[in-house]
N, C-alpha and C. Protein backbone atom coordinates (compact mmCIF):
# COMPACT_ATOMS: atom_id res chain seq x y z
N UNK A 1 -3.50 9.00 0.18
CA UNK A 1 -2.60 7.93 0.61
C UNK A 1 -1.28 8.03 -0.17
N UNK A 2 -0.18 7.78 0.51
CA UNK A 2 1.13 7.77 -0.15
C UNK A 2 1.86 6.49 0.23
N UNK A 3 2.84 6.14 -0.57
CA UNK A 3 3.67 4.97 -0.27
C UNK A 3 5.12 5.39 -0.28
N UNK A 4 5.95 4.65 0.43
CA UNK A 4 7.38 4.93 0.49
C UNK A 4 8.13 3.80 -0.20
N UNK A 5 8.99 4.15 -1.12
CA UNK A 5 9.79 3.17 -1.86
C UNK A 5 11.26 3.42 -1.60
N UNK A 6 11.98 2.39 -1.24
CA UNK A 6 13.42 2.49 -1.06
C UNK A 6 14.10 1.50 -2.00
N UNK A 7 15.16 1.93 -2.67
CA UNK A 7 15.88 1.02 -3.54
C UNK A 7 17.35 1.35 -3.54
N UNK A 8 18.15 0.37 -3.88
CA UNK A 8 19.59 0.54 -3.96
C UNK A 8 20.06 0.24 -5.37
N UNK A 9 21.09 0.95 -5.80
CA UNK A 9 21.72 0.70 -7.09
C UNK A 9 23.01 -0.06 -6.86
N UNK A 10 23.14 -1.24 -7.48
CA UNK A 10 24.38 -1.99 -7.32
C UNK A 10 25.43 -1.48 -8.30
N UNK A 11 26.61 -2.08 -8.28
CA UNK A 11 27.70 -1.61 -9.13
C UNK A 11 27.34 -1.65 -10.61
N UNK A 12 26.63 -2.68 -11.02
CA UNK A 12 26.23 -2.79 -12.43
C UNK A 12 25.26 -1.67 -12.80
N UNK A 13 24.34 -1.35 -11.88
CA UNK A 13 23.40 -0.25 -12.12
C UNK A 13 24.15 1.08 -12.25
N UNK A 14 25.11 1.27 -11.35
CA UNK A 14 25.87 2.52 -11.36
C UNK A 14 26.67 2.66 -12.65
N UNK A 15 27.19 1.55 -13.15
CA UNK A 15 27.95 1.59 -14.40
C UNK A 15 27.08 2.11 -15.54
N UNK A 16 25.81 1.78 -15.51
CA UNK A 16 24.88 2.26 -16.54
C UNK A 16 24.80 3.78 -16.53
N UNK A 17 24.68 4.35 -15.35
CA UNK A 17 24.58 5.80 -15.24
C UNK A 17 25.93 6.48 -15.47
N UNK A 18 27.00 5.81 -15.09
CA UNK A 18 28.32 6.36 -15.36
C UNK A 18 28.59 6.42 -16.86
N UNK A 19 28.11 5.41 -17.58
CA UNK A 19 28.24 5.41 -19.04
C UNK A 19 27.42 6.53 -19.65
N UNK A 20 26.23 6.76 -19.10
CA UNK A 20 25.38 7.85 -19.58
C UNK A 20 26.05 9.20 -19.34
N UNK A 21 26.71 9.35 -18.19
CA UNK A 21 27.41 10.59 -17.90
C UNK A 21 28.58 10.79 -18.86
N UNK A 22 29.32 9.72 -19.12
CA UNK A 22 30.45 9.82 -20.04
C UNK A 22 29.98 10.22 -21.43
N UNK A 23 28.85 9.65 -21.89
CA UNK A 23 28.31 10.00 -23.19
C UNK A 23 27.86 11.45 -23.23
N UNK A 24 27.27 11.91 -22.13
CA UNK A 24 26.80 13.30 -22.06
C UNK A 24 27.98 14.27 -22.09
N UNK A 25 29.06 13.91 -21.40
CA UNK A 25 30.25 14.77 -21.40
C UNK A 25 30.84 14.87 -22.80
N UNK A 26 30.83 13.75 -23.51
CA UNK A 26 31.35 13.76 -24.87
C UNK A 26 30.47 14.63 -25.77
N UNK A 27 29.16 14.52 -25.59
CA UNK A 27 28.24 15.31 -26.40
C UNK A 27 28.35 16.80 -26.09
N UNK A 28 28.73 17.12 -24.84
CA UNK A 28 28.82 18.52 -24.43
C UNK A 28 30.20 19.12 -24.69
N UNK A 29 31.09 18.32 -25.26
CA UNK A 29 32.45 18.82 -25.54
C UNK A 29 32.39 20.06 -26.43
N UNK A 30 33.08 21.09 -26.02
CA UNK A 30 33.08 22.33 -26.80
C UNK A 30 32.07 23.35 -26.33
N UNK A 31 31.14 22.95 -25.46
CA UNK A 31 30.17 23.91 -24.94
C UNK A 31 30.83 24.81 -23.90
N UNK A 32 30.43 26.04 -23.87
CA UNK A 32 30.95 26.98 -22.89
C UNK A 32 30.31 26.72 -21.53
N UNK A 33 30.92 27.31 -20.49
CA UNK A 33 30.36 27.17 -19.15
C UNK A 33 28.94 27.72 -19.11
N UNK A 34 28.69 28.83 -19.78
CA UNK A 34 27.35 29.42 -19.78
C UNK A 34 26.35 28.51 -20.47
N UNK A 35 26.76 27.86 -21.55
CA UNK A 35 25.86 26.95 -22.25
C UNK A 35 25.49 25.76 -21.36
N UNK A 36 26.46 25.25 -20.62
CA UNK A 36 26.20 24.12 -19.72
C UNK A 36 25.24 24.54 -18.61
N UNK A 37 25.48 25.70 -18.02
CA UNK A 37 24.59 26.20 -16.97
C UNK A 37 23.19 26.43 -17.53
N UNK A 38 23.10 26.97 -18.73
CA UNK A 38 21.79 27.22 -19.35
C UNK A 38 21.02 25.92 -19.57
N UNK A 39 21.73 24.86 -19.99
CA UNK A 39 21.07 23.56 -20.19
C UNK A 39 20.45 23.05 -18.89
N UNK A 40 21.24 23.08 -17.82
CA UNK A 40 20.75 22.61 -16.53
C UNK A 40 19.61 23.49 -16.03
N UNK A 41 19.72 24.79 -16.29
CA UNK A 41 18.67 25.72 -15.86
C UNK A 41 17.36 25.46 -16.58
N UNK A 42 17.43 25.11 -17.85
CA UNK A 42 16.21 24.80 -18.59
C UNK A 42 15.51 23.58 -18.02
N UNK A 43 16.29 22.60 -17.59
CA UNK A 43 15.68 21.41 -16.98
C UNK A 43 14.88 21.82 -15.74
N UNK A 44 15.45 22.69 -14.91
CA UNK A 44 14.74 23.15 -13.72
C UNK A 44 13.47 23.90 -14.10
N UNK A 45 13.58 24.74 -15.12
CA UNK A 45 12.40 25.49 -15.55
C UNK A 45 11.30 24.59 -16.04
N UNK A 46 11.65 23.56 -16.81
CA UNK A 46 10.65 22.62 -17.32
C UNK A 46 10.03 21.81 -16.19
N UNK A 47 10.85 21.42 -15.21
CA UNK A 47 10.36 20.58 -14.12
C UNK A 47 9.33 21.31 -13.27
N UNK A 48 9.44 22.62 -13.18
CA UNK A 48 8.51 23.38 -12.35
C UNK A 48 7.14 23.56 -13.01
N UNK A 49 7.01 23.10 -14.25
CA UNK A 49 5.75 23.22 -14.97
C UNK A 49 4.87 21.98 -14.80
N UNK A 50 5.41 20.93 -14.20
CA UNK A 50 4.67 19.67 -14.06
C UNK A 50 4.70 19.20 -12.62
N UNK A 51 3.83 18.24 -12.31
CA UNK A 51 3.81 17.65 -10.97
C UNK A 51 4.85 16.54 -10.89
N UNK A 52 5.72 16.62 -9.91
CA UNK A 52 6.76 15.61 -9.73
C UNK A 52 6.78 15.17 -8.26
N UNK A 53 7.21 13.93 -8.00
CA UNK A 53 7.27 13.44 -6.61
C UNK A 53 8.24 14.27 -5.77
N UNK A 54 7.99 14.31 -4.47
CA UNK A 54 8.82 15.11 -3.56
C UNK A 54 10.29 14.71 -3.60
N UNK A 55 10.56 13.40 -3.68
CA UNK A 55 11.96 12.98 -3.62
C UNK A 55 12.72 13.44 -4.86
N UNK A 56 12.03 13.57 -6.00
CA UNK A 56 12.68 14.11 -7.20
C UNK A 56 12.85 15.62 -7.04
N UNK A 57 11.84 16.27 -6.49
CA UNK A 57 11.92 17.71 -6.26
C UNK A 57 13.12 18.06 -5.38
N UNK A 58 13.35 17.27 -4.34
CA UNK A 58 14.47 17.54 -3.44
C UNK A 58 15.80 17.43 -4.18
N UNK A 59 15.91 16.46 -5.08
CA UNK A 59 17.16 16.33 -5.84
C UNK A 59 17.33 17.49 -6.82
N UNK A 60 16.24 17.93 -7.43
CA UNK A 60 16.32 19.07 -8.34
C UNK A 60 16.73 20.34 -7.60
N UNK A 61 16.34 20.46 -6.35
CA UNK A 61 16.80 21.59 -5.55
C UNK A 61 18.31 21.53 -5.36
N UNK A 62 18.85 20.33 -5.25
CA UNK A 62 20.30 20.19 -5.12
C UNK A 62 21.00 20.52 -6.44
N UNK A 63 20.34 20.21 -7.56
CA UNK A 63 20.87 20.64 -8.85
C UNK A 63 20.90 22.17 -8.90
N UNK A 64 19.87 22.79 -8.37
CA UNK A 64 19.84 24.25 -8.31
C UNK A 64 21.03 24.78 -7.52
N UNK A 65 21.40 24.07 -6.44
CA UNK A 65 22.56 24.48 -5.65
C UNK A 65 23.84 24.39 -6.47
N UNK A 66 23.98 23.34 -7.27
CA UNK A 66 25.17 23.20 -8.11
C UNK A 66 25.27 24.36 -9.10
N UNK A 67 24.13 24.71 -9.69
CA UNK A 67 24.11 25.83 -10.63
C UNK A 67 24.45 27.13 -9.90
N UNK A 68 23.87 27.30 -8.70
CA UNK A 68 24.13 28.51 -7.93
C UNK A 68 25.61 28.65 -7.58
N UNK A 69 26.28 27.53 -7.30
CA UNK A 69 27.71 27.59 -6.98
C UNK A 69 28.51 28.22 -8.10
N UNK A 70 28.11 27.93 -9.34
CA UNK A 70 28.81 28.48 -10.50
C UNK A 70 28.41 29.93 -10.74
N UNK A 71 27.15 30.26 -10.48
CA UNK A 71 26.63 31.60 -10.79
C UNK A 71 26.89 32.62 -9.69
N UNK A 72 27.13 32.15 -8.48
CA UNK A 72 27.23 33.04 -7.32
C UNK A 72 28.54 33.83 -7.36
N UNK A 73 28.45 35.12 -7.63
CA UNK A 73 29.65 35.95 -7.75
C UNK A 73 30.38 36.08 -6.42
N UNK A 74 29.64 36.06 -5.32
CA UNK A 74 30.28 36.17 -4.01
C UNK A 74 31.07 34.91 -3.67
N UNK A 75 30.60 33.75 -4.11
CA UNK A 75 31.31 32.50 -3.87
C UNK A 75 32.52 32.40 -4.79
N UNK A 76 32.39 32.90 -5.98
CA UNK A 76 33.52 33.03 -6.92
C UNK A 76 34.29 31.73 -7.11
N UNK A 77 33.57 30.66 -7.40
CA UNK A 77 34.22 29.37 -7.63
C UNK A 77 35.07 29.45 -8.89
N UNK A 78 36.28 28.92 -8.83
CA UNK A 78 37.17 29.03 -9.99
C UNK A 78 38.06 27.81 -10.11
N UNK A 79 38.80 27.75 -11.21
CA UNK A 79 39.78 26.70 -11.41
C UNK A 79 39.19 25.31 -11.44
N UNK A 80 39.90 24.35 -10.83
CA UNK A 80 39.47 22.96 -10.82
C UNK A 80 38.13 22.78 -10.11
N UNK A 81 37.86 23.59 -9.10
CA UNK A 81 36.61 23.48 -8.36
C UNK A 81 35.42 23.79 -9.28
N UNK A 82 35.54 24.86 -10.04
CA UNK A 82 34.48 25.24 -10.98
C UNK A 82 34.34 24.19 -12.08
N UNK A 83 35.46 23.70 -12.59
CA UNK A 83 35.43 22.70 -13.65
C UNK A 83 34.75 21.42 -13.16
N UNK A 84 34.97 21.05 -11.90
CA UNK A 84 34.38 19.83 -11.35
C UNK A 84 32.86 19.94 -11.32
N UNK A 85 32.37 21.10 -10.93
CA UNK A 85 30.92 21.30 -10.89
C UNK A 85 30.34 21.32 -12.30
N UNK A 86 30.99 22.03 -13.20
CA UNK A 86 30.51 22.09 -14.58
C UNK A 86 30.49 20.70 -15.22
N UNK A 87 31.49 19.89 -14.88
CA UNK A 87 31.54 18.53 -15.41
C UNK A 87 30.31 17.74 -14.97
N UNK A 88 29.90 17.92 -13.72
CA UNK A 88 28.72 17.23 -13.22
C UNK A 88 27.45 17.71 -13.91
N UNK A 89 27.43 18.97 -14.31
CA UNK A 89 26.23 19.55 -14.92
C UNK A 89 26.05 19.14 -16.39
N UNK A 90 27.09 18.58 -17.00
CA UNK A 90 27.01 18.29 -18.44
C UNK A 90 25.94 17.25 -18.77
N UNK A 91 25.62 16.36 -17.84
CA UNK A 91 24.60 15.35 -18.11
C UNK A 91 23.28 15.99 -18.52
N UNK A 92 23.01 17.15 -17.94
CA UNK A 92 21.73 17.79 -18.15
C UNK A 92 21.69 18.59 -19.46
N UNK A 93 22.78 18.48 -20.23
CA UNK A 93 22.80 19.06 -21.58
C UNK A 93 22.47 18.00 -22.63
N UNK A 94 22.35 16.75 -22.22
CA UNK A 94 22.11 15.66 -23.15
C UNK A 94 20.61 15.52 -23.40
N UNK A 95 20.13 15.74 -24.62
CA UNK A 95 18.69 15.60 -24.89
C UNK A 95 18.21 14.16 -24.84
N UNK A 96 19.13 13.19 -24.90
CA UNK A 96 18.75 11.78 -24.90
C UNK A 96 18.86 11.21 -23.49
N UNK A 97 17.94 11.63 -22.62
CA UNK A 97 17.92 11.12 -21.25
C UNK A 97 17.71 9.61 -21.24
N UNK A 98 18.16 8.98 -20.14
CA UNK A 98 17.85 7.57 -19.94
C UNK A 98 16.34 7.39 -19.91
N UNK A 99 15.64 8.29 -19.21
CA UNK A 99 14.17 8.32 -19.20
C UNK A 99 13.76 9.69 -19.73
N UNK A 100 12.99 9.77 -20.82
CA UNK A 100 12.59 11.08 -21.35
C UNK A 100 11.85 11.89 -20.29
N UNK A 101 12.12 13.19 -20.21
CA UNK A 101 11.54 14.03 -19.17
C UNK A 101 10.03 14.16 -19.29
N UNK A 102 9.46 13.89 -20.49
CA UNK A 102 8.01 14.06 -20.66
C UNK A 102 7.21 12.83 -20.22
N UNK A 103 7.88 11.82 -19.68
CA UNK A 103 7.16 10.66 -19.12
C UNK A 103 6.54 11.08 -17.79
N UNK A 104 5.26 10.88 -17.63
CA UNK A 104 4.56 11.31 -16.42
C UNK A 104 5.16 10.68 -15.17
N UNK A 105 5.27 11.47 -14.12
CA UNK A 105 5.72 11.10 -12.78
C UNK A 105 7.20 10.73 -12.74
N UNK A 106 7.63 9.79 -13.60
CA UNK A 106 9.00 9.28 -13.52
C UNK A 106 9.95 9.91 -14.54
N UNK A 107 9.49 10.92 -15.27
CA UNK A 107 10.32 11.49 -16.32
C UNK A 107 11.63 12.06 -15.85
N UNK A 108 11.68 12.48 -14.58
CA UNK A 108 12.90 13.07 -14.04
C UNK A 108 13.64 12.12 -13.09
N UNK A 109 13.25 10.85 -13.10
CA UNK A 109 13.88 9.90 -12.20
C UNK A 109 15.36 9.73 -12.50
N UNK A 110 15.71 9.60 -13.79
CA UNK A 110 17.13 9.43 -14.12
C UNK A 110 17.92 10.69 -13.77
N UNK A 111 17.29 11.87 -13.93
CA UNK A 111 17.96 13.11 -13.54
C UNK A 111 18.21 13.12 -12.03
N UNK A 112 17.20 12.66 -11.27
CA UNK A 112 17.34 12.63 -9.82
C UNK A 112 18.46 11.69 -9.40
N UNK A 113 18.56 10.54 -10.04
CA UNK A 113 19.64 9.60 -9.71
C UNK A 113 21.00 10.20 -10.06
N UNK A 114 21.09 10.84 -11.23
CA UNK A 114 22.35 11.44 -11.62
C UNK A 114 22.73 12.59 -10.68
N UNK A 115 21.74 13.35 -10.23
CA UNK A 115 22.01 14.41 -9.27
C UNK A 115 22.55 13.81 -7.98
N UNK A 116 21.93 12.71 -7.54
CA UNK A 116 22.37 12.06 -6.30
C UNK A 116 23.83 11.62 -6.42
N UNK A 117 24.19 11.04 -7.55
CA UNK A 117 25.58 10.62 -7.75
C UNK A 117 26.51 11.83 -7.77
N UNK A 118 26.06 12.90 -8.42
CA UNK A 118 26.87 14.12 -8.50
C UNK A 118 27.04 14.74 -7.12
N UNK A 119 25.98 14.74 -6.32
CA UNK A 119 26.04 15.30 -4.97
C UNK A 119 27.08 14.57 -4.14
N UNK A 120 27.12 13.24 -4.29
CA UNK A 120 28.11 12.47 -3.53
C UNK A 120 29.53 12.80 -3.97
N UNK A 121 29.71 13.05 -5.25
CA UNK A 121 31.03 13.43 -5.76
C UNK A 121 31.41 14.84 -5.33
N UNK A 122 30.41 15.70 -5.20
CA UNK A 122 30.66 17.11 -4.91
C UNK A 122 30.36 17.47 -3.45
N UNK A 123 30.31 16.46 -2.57
CA UNK A 123 29.95 16.72 -1.18
C UNK A 123 30.83 17.79 -0.52
N UNK A 124 32.15 17.77 -0.69
CA UNK A 124 32.96 18.83 -0.05
C UNK A 124 32.60 20.22 -0.56
N UNK A 125 32.38 20.35 -1.87
CA UNK A 125 32.04 21.64 -2.45
C UNK A 125 30.66 22.12 -1.97
N UNK A 126 29.68 21.21 -1.97
CA UNK A 126 28.33 21.58 -1.56
C UNK A 126 28.25 21.94 -0.08
N UNK A 127 28.96 21.19 0.76
CA UNK A 127 28.94 21.49 2.19
C UNK A 127 29.57 22.85 2.46
N UNK A 128 30.70 23.13 1.80
CA UNK A 128 31.36 24.42 1.99
C UNK A 128 30.46 25.56 1.52
N UNK A 129 29.78 25.36 0.39
CA UNK A 129 28.90 26.40 -0.14
C UNK A 129 27.70 26.61 0.78
N UNK A 130 27.16 25.53 1.33
CA UNK A 130 26.06 25.65 2.28
C UNK A 130 26.47 26.51 3.48
N UNK A 131 27.67 26.25 4.00
CA UNK A 131 28.15 27.03 5.15
C UNK A 131 28.31 28.50 4.78
N UNK A 132 28.82 28.73 3.59
CA UNK A 132 29.00 30.10 3.12
C UNK A 132 27.66 30.82 3.02
N UNK A 133 26.65 30.13 2.46
CA UNK A 133 25.32 30.74 2.32
C UNK A 133 24.70 31.02 3.69
N UNK A 134 24.88 30.09 4.64
CA UNK A 134 24.39 30.31 6.00
C UNK A 134 25.07 31.54 6.62
N UNK A 135 26.38 31.61 6.45
CA UNK A 135 27.15 32.72 7.01
C UNK A 135 26.68 34.04 6.40
N UNK A 136 26.52 34.06 5.09
CA UNK A 136 26.09 35.28 4.40
C UNK A 136 24.70 35.71 4.88
N UNK A 137 23.79 34.74 5.02
CA UNK A 137 22.44 35.08 5.45
C UNK A 137 22.44 35.62 6.87
N UNK A 138 23.23 35.00 7.74
CA UNK A 138 23.30 35.48 9.12
C UNK A 138 23.86 36.90 9.19
N UNK A 139 24.88 37.17 8.38
CA UNK A 139 25.46 38.50 8.35
C UNK A 139 24.45 39.51 7.80
N UNK A 140 23.69 39.10 6.81
CA UNK A 140 22.69 39.99 6.23
C UNK A 140 21.63 40.35 7.27
N UNK A 141 21.22 39.36 8.06
CA UNK A 141 20.22 39.60 9.09
C UNK A 141 20.76 40.55 10.16
N UNK A 142 22.01 40.38 10.53
CA UNK A 142 22.63 41.24 11.54
C UNK A 142 22.72 42.68 11.05
N UNK A 143 22.92 42.84 9.75
CA UNK A 143 23.10 44.18 9.19
C UNK A 143 21.81 44.76 8.62
N UNK A 144 20.71 43.99 8.71
CA UNK A 144 19.43 44.46 8.24
C UNK A 144 19.35 44.58 6.73
N UNK A 145 20.00 43.64 6.02
CA UNK A 145 20.03 43.65 4.56
C UNK A 145 19.43 42.35 4.02
N UNK A 146 19.03 42.39 2.76
CA UNK A 146 18.69 41.16 2.06
C UNK A 146 20.00 40.45 1.70
N UNK A 147 20.02 39.10 1.74
CA UNK A 147 21.28 38.38 1.45
C UNK A 147 21.90 38.73 0.11
N UNK A 148 21.06 38.99 -0.90
CA UNK A 148 21.63 39.31 -2.20
C UNK A 148 22.24 40.70 -2.27
N UNK A 149 22.05 41.48 -1.19
CA UNK A 149 22.64 42.82 -1.13
C UNK A 149 23.95 42.83 -0.37
N UNK A 150 24.33 41.67 0.18
CA UNK A 150 25.59 41.59 0.91
C UNK A 150 26.71 41.44 -0.11
N UNK A 151 27.55 42.43 -0.20
CA UNK A 151 28.62 42.43 -1.19
C UNK A 151 29.84 41.66 -0.71
N UNK A 152 30.89 41.71 -1.51
CA UNK A 152 32.10 40.96 -1.19
C UNK A 152 33.00 41.79 -0.28
N UNK A 153 32.49 42.08 0.91
CA UNK A 153 33.27 42.81 1.90
C UNK A 153 34.41 41.93 2.39
N UNK A 154 35.36 42.54 3.09
CA UNK A 154 36.56 41.81 3.53
C UNK A 154 36.20 40.61 4.38
N UNK A 155 35.22 40.78 5.30
CA UNK A 155 34.86 39.67 6.17
C UNK A 155 34.24 38.52 5.39
N UNK A 156 33.52 38.83 4.29
CA UNK A 156 32.91 37.80 3.47
C UNK A 156 33.97 37.04 2.70
N UNK A 157 34.94 37.77 2.15
CA UNK A 157 36.04 37.13 1.42
C UNK A 157 36.85 36.23 2.34
N UNK A 158 37.08 36.71 3.56
CA UNK A 158 37.86 35.94 4.52
C UNK A 158 37.18 34.62 4.84
N UNK A 159 35.88 34.66 5.07
CA UNK A 159 35.12 33.44 5.37
C UNK A 159 35.11 32.50 4.18
N UNK A 160 34.95 33.07 3.00
CA UNK A 160 34.96 32.26 1.78
C UNK A 160 36.28 31.52 1.65
N UNK A 161 37.41 32.22 1.83
CA UNK A 161 38.72 31.59 1.68
C UNK A 161 38.92 30.48 2.71
N UNK A 162 38.43 30.70 3.91
CA UNK A 162 38.53 29.68 4.96
C UNK A 162 37.76 28.42 4.57
N UNK A 163 36.56 28.60 4.05
CA UNK A 163 35.72 27.47 3.67
C UNK A 163 36.28 26.74 2.46
N UNK A 164 36.80 27.47 1.48
CA UNK A 164 37.39 26.83 0.31
C UNK A 164 38.61 26.00 0.71
N UNK A 165 39.42 26.54 1.62
CA UNK A 165 40.59 25.79 2.09
C UNK A 165 40.15 24.51 2.79
N UNK A 166 39.12 24.59 3.62
CA UNK A 166 38.60 23.40 4.30
C UNK A 166 38.03 22.40 3.29
N UNK A 167 37.35 22.92 2.27
CA UNK A 167 36.80 22.08 1.22
C UNK A 167 37.89 21.29 0.52
N UNK A 168 39.00 21.94 0.20
CA UNK A 168 40.11 21.27 -0.47
C UNK A 168 40.73 20.19 0.42
N UNK A 169 40.86 20.49 1.71
CA UNK A 169 41.43 19.49 2.62
C UNK A 169 40.51 18.27 2.72
N UNK A 170 39.22 18.51 2.77
CA UNK A 170 38.27 17.40 2.87
C UNK A 170 38.29 16.56 1.60
N UNK A 171 38.32 17.23 0.44
CA UNK A 171 38.37 16.48 -0.82
C UNK A 171 39.63 15.63 -0.89
N UNK A 172 40.75 16.17 -0.43
CA UNK A 172 42.00 15.42 -0.46
C UNK A 172 41.91 14.19 0.43
N UNK A 173 41.28 14.33 1.61
CA UNK A 173 41.12 13.19 2.52
C UNK A 173 40.22 12.13 1.90
N UNK A 174 39.09 12.55 1.32
CA UNK A 174 38.15 11.58 0.78
C UNK A 174 38.70 10.90 -0.46
N UNK A 175 39.45 11.62 -1.26
CA UNK A 175 40.06 11.02 -2.44
C UNK A 175 41.09 9.98 -2.02
N UNK A 176 41.87 10.31 -1.01
CA UNK A 176 42.88 9.37 -0.52
C UNK A 176 42.28 8.14 0.12
N UNK A 177 41.09 8.32 0.71
CA UNK A 177 40.43 7.19 1.37
C UNK A 177 39.66 6.33 0.40
N UNK A 178 39.57 6.77 -0.85
CA UNK A 178 38.86 5.98 -1.86
C UNK A 178 37.37 5.90 -1.63
N UNK A 179 36.80 6.98 -1.12
CA UNK A 179 35.36 6.98 -0.84
C UNK A 179 34.57 6.99 -2.13
N UNK A 180 33.60 6.08 -2.24
CA UNK A 180 32.79 5.98 -3.45
C UNK A 180 31.40 6.50 -3.24
N UNK A 181 30.44 5.82 -3.82
CA UNK A 181 29.07 6.29 -3.77
C UNK A 181 28.37 5.93 -2.46
N UNK A 182 28.92 4.97 -1.72
CA UNK A 182 28.32 4.64 -0.45
C UNK A 182 27.06 3.83 -0.59
N UNK A 183 26.18 3.97 0.40
CA UNK A 183 24.98 3.15 0.46
C UNK A 183 23.82 3.82 -0.25
N UNK A 184 22.65 3.32 0.01
CA UNK A 184 21.45 3.83 -0.65
C UNK A 184 21.29 5.32 -0.46
N UNK A 185 20.71 5.94 -1.46
CA UNK A 185 20.50 7.39 -1.39
C UNK A 185 19.38 7.77 -0.44
N UNK A 186 18.59 6.81 -0.01
CA UNK A 186 17.51 7.11 0.93
C UNK A 186 16.30 7.73 0.28
N UNK A 187 16.04 7.44 -0.99
CA UNK A 187 14.83 7.96 -1.63
C UNK A 187 13.62 7.53 -0.83
N UNK A 188 12.68 8.46 -0.66
CA UNK A 188 11.47 8.14 0.06
C UNK A 188 11.64 8.20 1.56
N UNK A 189 12.78 8.73 2.04
CA UNK A 189 13.02 8.77 3.48
C UNK A 189 12.18 9.83 4.17
N UNK A 190 11.67 10.80 3.39
CA UNK A 190 10.87 11.85 3.99
C UNK A 190 11.70 12.98 4.57
N UNK A 191 13.01 12.92 4.47
CA UNK A 191 13.87 13.95 5.01
C UNK A 191 13.70 15.24 4.23
N UNK A 192 13.46 16.34 4.91
CA UNK A 192 13.28 17.61 4.22
C UNK A 192 14.64 18.21 3.88
N UNK A 193 14.61 19.12 2.92
CA UNK A 193 15.84 19.76 2.50
C UNK A 193 15.66 21.26 2.59
N UNK A 194 16.41 21.90 3.47
CA UNK A 194 16.32 23.34 3.64
C UNK A 194 17.66 23.96 3.33
N UNK A 195 17.65 25.25 2.99
CA UNK A 195 18.89 25.91 2.65
C UNK A 195 18.75 27.40 2.85
N UNK A 196 19.88 28.06 3.08
CA UNK A 196 19.89 29.51 3.18
C UNK A 196 19.80 30.10 1.78
N UNK A 197 19.65 31.42 1.72
CA UNK A 197 19.51 32.08 0.42
C UNK A 197 20.74 31.85 -0.44
N UNK A 198 20.52 31.69 -1.74
CA UNK A 198 21.54 31.64 -2.77
C UNK A 198 20.89 32.07 -4.08
N UNK A 199 21.68 32.45 -5.09
CA UNK A 199 21.08 32.92 -6.33
C UNK A 199 20.52 31.76 -7.17
N UNK A 200 19.56 31.07 -6.62
CA UNK A 200 18.96 29.93 -7.31
C UNK A 200 17.74 30.33 -8.10
N UNK A 201 17.12 29.33 -8.75
CA UNK A 201 15.95 29.60 -9.57
C UNK A 201 14.84 28.59 -9.34
N UNK A 202 15.04 27.66 -8.43
CA UNK A 202 14.06 26.60 -8.19
C UNK A 202 13.06 27.12 -7.18
N UNK A 203 11.79 27.28 -7.56
CA UNK A 203 10.81 27.98 -6.74
C UNK A 203 9.59 27.14 -6.41
N UNK A 204 9.78 25.84 -6.17
CA UNK A 204 8.63 25.02 -5.78
C UNK A 204 8.10 25.49 -4.44
N UNK A 205 6.80 25.36 -4.26
CA UNK A 205 6.19 25.70 -2.98
C UNK A 205 5.55 24.46 -2.36
């Protein structure tokens, strides 16, 4: 038997997590990009050693996508775009989680909430990267290659530049419109999360 739980975070609740993010960023000051990525990667590695609810697993897969965006040489995220993603990943370098990760079942709940907030902030970047990964996988299938064997050919670079330009235009529109966190994250909705190949490390089955 399973149960479905839905909840919303009000502005006061969000302020709590925003404060936690600010503290984590301060604690991570001076860390290199690789150190930040390694911190987030360790969280994924630890999470795969224990049983966690599906809705948390789905959010951790999205964290894996954020890490992949930084690590993916073909995507080649740089400048402010790369800094924005790294900034979101700094929370996972803080050893003082809101909820300690070793708490059974709910140990990764605060991580899942922070991922959800980060996903909403990084929606233009994540959507563009998803399209790029779909495009790369389709091209790999057409050419009879594994996706990780598809190099940075001219057609791949061209598609990447097109998607990055669209990503920037979307971010500019959403920033100008003052779009915030929106409504409930839909935890417990049962919606599955699928994705094309990317250099990720999250291997739940």
